[in-house]
Amino acid sequence: TQYTVQRTLAKLIEHLHPQDVGDHLQEVCRTLRPGGIYLCVTPSRYNGPHDISRYFDDVATGFHMREYAHQDLIPLCHAAGFDDVRPLLGIAGRFFSLPAAPVCALERALDWLPGRVRRQVALRAPFFRLLGVMVAARRRQIA
């Protein structure tokens, strides 16, 4: 059986007010056809900030309202109605699905480090690739 999958790509979630992200994700889920995939790519809060605030702050306070981690984004996607949410790892133009638990455990371990040390670790290989926030969220199939 061949399936046609609708894909929606977002590279804007960091510009939305954090209170509006849940509504955004619910609307994306609502408008995707069943089985559709929402691919969310956003700057990681671990190796940022990635906006102008990188020059004067340790967290995004400029054009980026908030930068996310997998442990932030995955529960938000589930709450919005997506049933299958997975981190992705991109290597040489290919993308691989990763189990969420170890990726989130790595992020929680980094949370214990002081901000500047955390950023230095997050910028090094292989952490830089692992912590790049790419999430594939699939809308439920109609039963």
N, C-alpha and C. Protein backbone atom coordinates (compact mmCIF):
# COMPACT_ATOMS: atom_id res chain seq x y z
N THR A 1 0.85 -1.18 0.00
CA THR A 1 0.00 0.00 0.00
C THR A 1 0.88 1.24 0.00
N GLN A 2 0.54 2.19 -0.82
CA GLN A 2 1.30 3.43 -0.89
C GLN A 2 0.52 4.52 -0.17
N TYR A 3 1.22 5.30 0.62
CA TYR A 3 0.60 6.38 1.38
C TYR A 3 1.17 7.71 0.91
N THR A 4 0.32 8.68 0.82
CA THR A 4 0.76 10.04 0.56
C THR A 4 0.78 10.75 1.90
N VAL A 5 1.91 11.30 2.24
CA VAL A 5 2.05 11.97 3.53
C VAL A 5 2.21 13.46 3.31
N GLN A 6 1.38 14.23 3.97
CA GLN A 6 1.51 15.68 3.94
C GLN A 6 2.53 16.06 5.00
N ARG A 7 3.49 16.90 4.62
CA ARG A 7 4.50 17.35 5.57
C ARG A 7 4.40 18.85 5.71
N THR A 8 4.53 19.32 6.91
CA THR A 8 4.58 20.74 7.19
C THR A 8 5.87 21.00 7.95
N LEU A 9 6.64 21.99 7.51
CA LEU A 9 7.90 22.32 8.15
C LEU A 9 7.78 23.66 8.84
N ALA A 10 8.25 23.72 10.07
CA ALA A 10 8.22 24.99 10.80
C ALA A 10 9.61 25.34 11.28
N LYS A 11 9.99 26.56 11.03
CA LYS A 11 11.22 27.11 11.58
C LYS A 11 10.88 28.47 12.16
N LEU A 12 9.86 28.50 12.98
CA LEU A 12 9.41 29.77 13.51
C LEU A 12 9.01 29.71 14.97
N ILE A 13 8.95 28.55 15.52
CA ILE A 13 8.39 28.39 16.86
C ILE A 13 9.13 29.22 17.90
N GLU A 14 10.42 29.46 17.68
CA GLU A 14 11.20 30.27 18.62
C GLU A 14 10.79 31.74 18.60
N HIS A 15 10.06 32.16 17.58
CA HIS A 15 9.60 33.55 17.48
C HIS A 15 8.22 33.75 18.09
N LEU A 16 7.53 32.67 18.42
CA LEU A 16 6.20 32.77 19.01
C LEU A 16 6.31 32.97 20.52
N HIS A 17 5.35 33.69 21.07
CA HIS A 17 5.30 33.82 22.52
C HIS A 17 5.05 32.43 23.09
N PRO A 18 5.74 32.06 24.16
CA PRO A 18 5.58 30.71 24.71
C PRO A 18 4.12 30.34 25.03
N GLN A 19 3.29 31.33 25.37
CA GLN A 19 1.88 31.03 25.64
C GLN A 19 1.10 30.69 24.38
N ASP A 20 1.63 31.04 23.20
CA ASP A 20 0.95 30.77 21.94
C ASP A 20 1.40 29.48 21.26
N VAL A 21 2.45 28.87 21.76
CA VAL A 21 3.00 27.68 21.10
C VAL A 21 2.01 26.52 21.13
N GLY A 22 1.34 26.31 22.24
CA GLY A 22 0.35 25.23 22.33
C GLY A 22 -0.77 25.41 21.31
N ASP A 23 -1.27 26.63 21.16
CA ASP A 23 -2.32 26.90 20.17
C ASP A 23 -1.80 26.66 18.75
N HIS A 24 -0.56 27.07 18.49
CA HIS A 24 0.05 26.85 17.18
C HIS A 24 0.11 25.35 16.86
N LEU A 25 0.61 24.57 17.81
CA LEU A 25 0.74 23.14 17.59
C LEU A 25 -0.61 22.47 17.41
N GLN A 26 -1.62 22.89 18.17
CA GLN A 26 -2.97 22.33 18.01
C GLN A 26 -3.52 22.63 16.63
N GLU A 27 -3.29 23.84 16.14
CA GLU A 27 -3.80 24.22 14.82
C GLU A 27 -3.07 23.44 13.72
N VAL A 28 -1.78 23.25 13.86
CA VAL A 28 -1.04 22.45 12.89
C VAL A 28 -1.57 21.02 12.88
N CYS A 29 -1.78 20.46 14.05
CA CYS A 29 -2.30 19.09 14.16
C CYS A 29 -3.69 19.00 13.53
N ARG A 30 -4.52 19.99 13.78
CA ARG A 30 -5.87 20.00 13.23
C ARG A 30 -5.87 20.05 11.71
N THR A 31 -4.96 20.83 11.13
CA THR A 31 -4.98 21.03 9.69
C THR A 31 -4.21 19.97 8.90
N LEU A 32 -3.35 19.22 9.56
CA LEU A 32 -2.68 18.11 8.87
C LEU A 32 -3.69 17.00 8.60
N ARG A 33 -3.56 16.35 7.47
CA ARG A 33 -4.42 15.19 7.24
C ARG A 33 -3.94 14.04 8.13
N PRO A 34 -4.80 13.08 8.41
CA PRO A 34 -4.41 11.95 9.25
C PRO A 34 -3.15 11.28 8.71
N GLY A 35 -2.20 11.04 9.59
CA GLY A 35 -0.93 10.46 9.21
C GLY A 35 0.10 11.49 8.75
N GLY A 36 -0.32 12.76 8.64
CA GLY A 36 0.58 13.83 8.23
C GLY A 36 1.66 14.06 9.27
N ILE A 37 2.79 14.57 8.81
CA ILE A 37 3.95 14.77 9.68
C ILE A 37 4.28 16.26 9.77
N TYR A 38 4.43 16.72 10.98
CA TYR A 38 4.89 18.08 11.26
C TYR A 38 6.36 17.98 11.63
N LEU A 39 7.21 18.62 10.86
CA LEU A 39 8.64 18.62 11.12
C LEU A 39 9.01 19.97 11.72
N CYS A 40 9.38 19.97 12.96
CA CYS A 40 9.72 21.20 13.66
C CYS A 40 11.23 21.25 13.86
N VAL A 41 11.84 22.27 13.30
CA VAL A 41 13.28 22.49 13.43
C VAL A 41 13.45 23.84 14.11
N THR A 42 14.11 23.85 15.25
CA THR A 42 14.24 25.08 16.01
C THR A 42 15.60 25.11 16.71
N PRO A 43 16.14 26.28 16.96
CA PRO A 43 17.45 26.35 17.64
C PRO A 43 17.39 25.75 19.05
N SER A 44 18.43 25.05 19.40
CA SER A 44 18.52 24.44 20.72
C SER A 44 18.88 25.48 21.77
N ARG A 45 18.21 25.39 22.90
CA ARG A 45 18.54 26.32 23.99
C ARG A 45 19.87 25.97 24.65
N TYR A 46 20.39 24.79 24.35
CA TYR A 46 21.65 24.37 24.97
C TYR A 46 22.87 24.98 24.31
N ASN A 47 22.85 25.21 23.02
CA ASN A 47 24.02 25.80 22.38
C ASN A 47 23.73 27.20 21.85
N GLY A 48 22.72 27.83 22.41
CA GLY A 48 22.35 29.20 22.02
C GLY A 48 22.77 30.18 23.09
N PRO A 49 22.26 31.36 23.06
CA PRO A 49 21.18 31.80 22.18
C PRO A 49 21.65 32.01 20.74
N HIS A 50 20.67 31.93 19.83
CA HIS A 50 20.95 32.00 18.41
C HIS A 50 20.46 33.29 17.78
N ASP A 51 20.12 34.26 18.58
CA ASP A 51 19.71 35.56 18.06
C ASP A 51 20.68 36.62 18.58
N ILE A 52 20.32 37.87 18.46
CA ILE A 52 21.19 38.99 18.85
C ILE A 52 21.60 38.92 20.32
N SER A 53 20.76 38.27 21.15
CA SER A 53 21.06 38.22 22.59
C SER A 53 22.29 37.39 22.91
N ARG A 54 22.83 36.64 21.93
CA ARG A 54 24.05 35.87 22.19
C ARG A 54 25.21 36.77 22.61
N TYR A 55 25.12 38.05 22.28
CA TYR A 55 26.21 38.98 22.59
C TYR A 55 26.11 39.57 23.99
N PHE A 56 24.97 39.37 24.66
CA PHE A 56 24.83 39.98 25.98
C PHE A 56 24.07 39.14 27.00
N ASP A 57 23.66 37.92 26.65
CA ASP A 57 22.89 37.11 27.60
C ASP A 57 23.14 35.63 27.34
N ASP A 58 22.83 34.78 28.33
CA ASP A 58 22.99 33.34 28.18
C ASP A 58 21.72 32.64 27.70
N VAL A 59 20.61 33.37 27.68
CA VAL A 59 19.35 32.83 27.16
C VAL A 59 18.80 33.81 26.12
N ALA A 60 17.97 33.29 25.24
CA ALA A 60 17.41 34.13 24.18
C ALA A 60 16.48 35.18 24.77
N THR A 61 16.79 36.43 24.51
CA THR A 61 15.94 37.54 24.98
C THR A 61 15.73 38.57 23.88
N GLY A 62 16.16 38.26 22.66
CA GLY A 62 16.02 39.19 21.55
C GLY A 62 14.85 38.80 20.66
N PHE A 63 15.14 38.51 19.40
CA PHE A 63 14.10 38.14 18.44
C PHE A 63 13.50 36.77 18.76
N HIS A 64 14.24 35.92 19.41
CA HIS A 64 13.72 34.62 19.81
C HIS A 64 13.07 34.77 21.17
N MET A 65 11.79 34.51 21.21
CA MET A 65 11.06 34.60 22.48
C MET A 65 11.50 33.50 23.44
N ARG A 66 11.76 32.31 22.87
CA ARG A 66 12.24 31.19 23.66
C ARG A 66 12.90 30.19 22.72
N GLU A 67 13.99 29.61 23.16
CA GLU A 67 14.60 28.51 22.43
C GLU A 67 14.32 27.23 23.21
N TYR A 68 14.12 26.14 22.49
CA TYR A 68 13.58 24.92 23.08
C TYR A 68 14.60 23.79 23.09
N ALA A 69 14.25 22.77 23.83
CA ALA A 69 14.96 21.50 23.85
C ALA A 69 13.94 20.42 23.52
N HIS A 70 14.43 19.23 23.22
CA HIS A 70 13.50 18.12 22.94
C HIS A 70 12.57 17.88 24.13
N GLN A 71 13.14 17.96 25.34
CA GLN A 71 12.33 17.70 26.53
C GLN A 71 11.22 18.74 26.72
N ASP A 72 11.33 19.89 26.09
CA ASP A 72 10.27 20.91 26.13
C ASP A 72 9.25 20.65 25.03
N LEU A 73 9.74 20.36 23.84
CA LEU A 73 8.90 20.31 22.65
C LEU A 73 8.08 19.02 22.54
N ILE A 74 8.64 17.90 22.92
CA ILE A 74 7.93 16.62 22.78
C ILE A 74 6.64 16.60 23.59
N PRO A 75 6.64 17.00 24.88
CA PRO A 75 5.37 17.01 25.62
C PRO A 75 4.36 18.01 25.04
N LEU A 76 4.86 19.15 24.52
CA LEU A 76 3.94 20.12 23.91
C LEU A 76 3.25 19.51 22.68
N CYS A 77 3.99 18.76 21.89
CA CYS A 77 3.40 18.12 20.71
C CYS A 77 2.38 17.06 21.11
N HIS A 78 2.70 16.27 22.12
CA HIS A 78 1.74 15.27 22.59
C HIS A 78 0.46 15.95 23.10
N ALA A 79 0.61 17.01 23.86
CA ALA A 79 -0.55 17.73 24.40
C ALA A 79 -1.41 18.33 23.29
N ALA A 80 -0.80 18.65 22.15
CA ALA A 80 -1.52 19.24 21.03
C ALA A 80 -2.29 18.20 20.22
N GLY A 81 -2.04 16.92 20.47
CA GLY A 81 -2.78 15.87 19.78
C GLY A 81 -1.96 15.00 18.85
N PHE A 82 -0.66 15.22 18.76
CA PHE A 82 0.19 14.34 17.95
C PHE A 82 0.42 13.06 18.74
N ASP A 83 0.38 11.91 18.06
CA ASP A 83 0.52 10.65 18.79
C ASP A 83 1.92 10.05 18.71
N ASP A 84 2.68 10.39 17.70
CA ASP A 84 4.02 9.83 17.55
C ASP A 84 4.99 10.99 17.36
N VAL A 85 5.80 11.27 18.37
CA VAL A 85 6.72 12.41 18.33
C VAL A 85 8.12 11.87 18.59
N ARG A 86 9.02 12.14 17.63
CA ARG A 86 10.37 11.59 17.73
C ARG A 86 11.43 12.64 17.41
N PRO A 87 12.51 12.63 18.16
CA PRO A 87 13.66 13.46 17.78
C PRO A 87 14.29 12.89 16.51
N LEU A 88 14.85 13.77 15.70
CA LEU A 88 15.55 13.36 14.49
C LEU A 88 17.01 13.79 14.59
N LEU A 89 17.88 12.98 14.01
CA LEU A 89 19.29 13.30 13.92
C LEU A 89 19.64 13.38 12.44
N GLY A 90 20.18 14.51 12.02
CA GLY A 90 20.55 14.69 10.62
C GLY A 90 22.04 14.54 10.44
N ILE A 91 22.42 13.64 9.51
CA ILE A 91 23.84 13.41 9.19
C ILE A 91 23.95 13.28 7.68
N ALA A 92 24.74 14.15 7.09
CA ALA A 92 25.03 14.10 5.65
C ALA A 92 23.76 14.05 4.81
N GLY A 93 22.77 14.85 5.15
CA GLY A 93 21.54 14.92 4.37
C GLY A 93 20.56 13.80 4.62
N ARG A 94 20.86 12.91 5.55
CA ARG A 94 19.94 11.83 5.91
C ARG A 94 19.47 12.05 7.33
N PHE A 95 18.24 11.64 7.62
CA PHE A 95 17.65 11.86 8.93
C PHE A 95 17.26 10.53 9.55
N PHE A 96 17.59 10.41 10.82
CA PHE A 96 17.34 9.18 11.55
C PHE A 96 16.50 9.49 12.78
N SER A 97 15.50 8.66 13.00
CA SER A 97 14.65 8.79 14.17
C SER A 97 15.38 8.24 15.39
N LEU A 98 15.32 8.95 16.49
CA LEU A 98 15.95 8.54 17.73
C LEU A 98 14.89 8.30 18.80
N PRO A 99 15.16 7.42 19.75
CA PRO A 99 14.23 7.30 20.88
C PRO A 99 14.31 8.55 21.74
N ALA A 100 13.17 9.02 22.17
CA ALA A 100 13.11 10.28 22.91
C ALA A 100 13.76 10.19 24.29
N ALA A 101 13.60 9.08 24.98
CA ALA A 101 14.07 8.98 26.37
C ALA A 101 15.56 9.28 26.54
N PRO A 102 16.46 8.66 25.76
CA PRO A 102 17.88 8.98 25.96
C PRO A 102 18.25 10.41 25.58
N VAL A 103 17.61 10.95 24.55
CA VAL A 103 17.89 12.33 24.15
C VAL A 103 17.48 13.28 25.27
N CYS A 104 16.29 13.07 25.82
CA CYS A 104 15.82 13.92 26.92
C CYS A 104 16.66 13.72 28.18
N ALA A 105 17.13 12.50 28.42
CA ALA A 105 18.00 12.24 29.58
C ALA A 105 19.31 13.00 29.44
N LEU A 106 19.87 13.04 28.23
CA LEU A 106 21.09 13.82 27.98
C LEU A 106 20.83 15.30 28.27
N GLU A 107 19.69 15.80 27.83
CA GLU A 107 19.36 17.20 28.08
C GLU A 107 19.21 17.48 29.58
N ARG A 108 18.56 16.57 30.29
CA ARG A 108 18.41 16.77 31.74
C ARG A 108 19.76 16.74 32.45
N ALA A 109 20.68 15.90 31.97
CA ALA A 109 22.03 15.86 32.56
C ALA A 109 22.74 17.19 32.32
N LEU A 110 22.58 17.75 31.14
CA LEU A 110 23.21 19.04 30.84
C LEU A 110 22.64 20.17 31.70
N ASP A 111 21.38 20.03 32.10
CA ASP A 111 20.76 21.06 32.95
C ASP A 111 21.49 21.24 34.28
N TRP A 112 22.24 20.24 34.69
CA TRP A 112 22.97 20.33 35.95
C TRP A 112 24.24 21.16 35.84
N LEU A 113 24.69 21.40 34.62
CA LEU A 113 25.92 22.16 34.43
C LEU A 113 25.67 23.66 34.46
N PRO A 114 26.65 24.45 34.89
CA PRO A 114 26.50 25.91 34.80
C PRO A 114 26.33 26.33 33.33
N GLY A 115 25.64 27.43 33.10
CA GLY A 115 25.28 27.88 31.77
C GLY A 115 26.40 27.92 30.75
N ARG A 116 27.52 28.52 31.09
CA ARG A 116 28.61 28.65 30.13
C ARG A 116 29.27 27.29 29.84
N VAL A 117 29.38 26.45 30.86
CA VAL A 117 29.95 25.11 30.67
C VAL A 117 28.99 24.28 29.81
N ARG A 118 27.70 24.37 30.09
CA ARG A 118 26.68 23.66 29.33
C ARG A 118 26.77 24.03 27.84
N ARG A 119 26.92 25.31 27.56
CA ARG A 119 27.00 25.76 26.16
C ARG A 119 28.27 25.23 25.50
N GLN A 120 29.40 25.25 26.21
CA GLN A 120 30.65 24.74 25.65
C GLN A 120 30.54 23.25 25.30
N VAL A 121 29.91 22.48 26.19
CA VAL A 121 29.72 21.05 25.94
C VAL A 121 28.76 20.86 24.77
N ALA A 122 27.68 21.61 24.73
CA ALA A 122 26.65 21.46 23.69
C ALA A 122 27.15 21.85 22.31
N LEU A 123 28.19 22.65 22.24
CA LEU A 123 28.74 23.06 20.95
C LEU A 123 29.74 22.05 20.38
N ARG A 124 30.13 21.07 21.18
CA ARG A 124 31.13 20.09 20.74
C ARG A 124 30.43 18.86 20.11
N ALA A 125 31.17 18.24 19.17
CA ALA A 125 30.68 16.98 18.60
C ALA A 125 30.81 15.90 19.66
N PRO A 126 29.93 14.95 19.75
CA PRO A 126 28.73 14.73 18.96
C PRO A 126 27.50 15.43 19.53
N PHE A 127 27.66 16.13 20.65
CA PHE A 127 26.51 16.74 21.31
C PHE A 127 25.79 17.76 20.43
N PHE A 128 26.56 18.49 19.62
CA PHE A 128 25.95 19.52 18.78
C PHE A 128 24.88 18.91 17.88
N ARG A 129 25.18 17.80 17.25
CA ARG A 129 24.20 17.14 16.38
C ARG A 129 23.05 16.54 17.18
N LEU A 130 23.36 15.90 18.29
CA LEU A 130 22.31 15.26 19.10
C LEU A 130 21.34 16.28 19.69
N LEU A 131 21.85 17.46 20.00
CA LEU A 131 21.01 18.46 20.65
C LEU A 131 20.34 19.41 19.66
N GLY A 132 20.63 19.27 18.39
CA GLY A 132 19.92 20.08 17.39
C GLY A 132 18.46 19.68 17.42
N VAL A 133 17.58 20.62 17.68
CA VAL A 133 16.18 20.29 17.92
C VAL A 133 15.44 20.13 16.60
N MET A 134 15.28 18.88 16.21
CA MET A 134 14.44 18.49 15.07
C MET A 134 13.49 17.42 15.58
N VAL A 135 12.21 17.68 15.44
CA VAL A 135 11.20 16.77 15.94
C VAL A 135 10.22 16.46 14.82
N ALA A 136 9.92 15.19 14.62
CA ALA A 136 8.89 14.77 13.68
C ALA A 136 7.68 14.32 14.49
N ALA A 137 6.55 15.01 14.28
CA ALA A 137 5.33 14.70 15.01
C ALA A 137 4.26 14.25 14.02
N ARG A 138 3.70 13.08 14.23
CA ARG A 138 2.70 12.52 13.32
C ARG A 138 1.30 12.66 13.90
N ARG A 139 0.40 13.14 13.05
CA ARG A 139 -1.01 13.20 13.46
C ARG A 139 -1.60 11.79 13.42
N ARG A 140 -2.49 11.53 14.35
CA ARG A 140 -3.12 10.21 14.43
C ARG A 140 -3.80 9.84 13.12
N GLN A 141 -3.71 8.56 12.80
CA GLN A 141 -4.47 8.00 11.68
C GLN A 141 -5.92 7.85 12.13
N ILE A 142 -6.84 8.00 11.21
CA ILE A 142 -8.25 7.74 11.54
C ILE A 142 -8.45 6.25 11.56
N ALA A 143 -9.03 5.77 12.64
CA ALA A 143 -9.20 4.32 12.81
C ALA A 143 -10.33 3.79 11.96
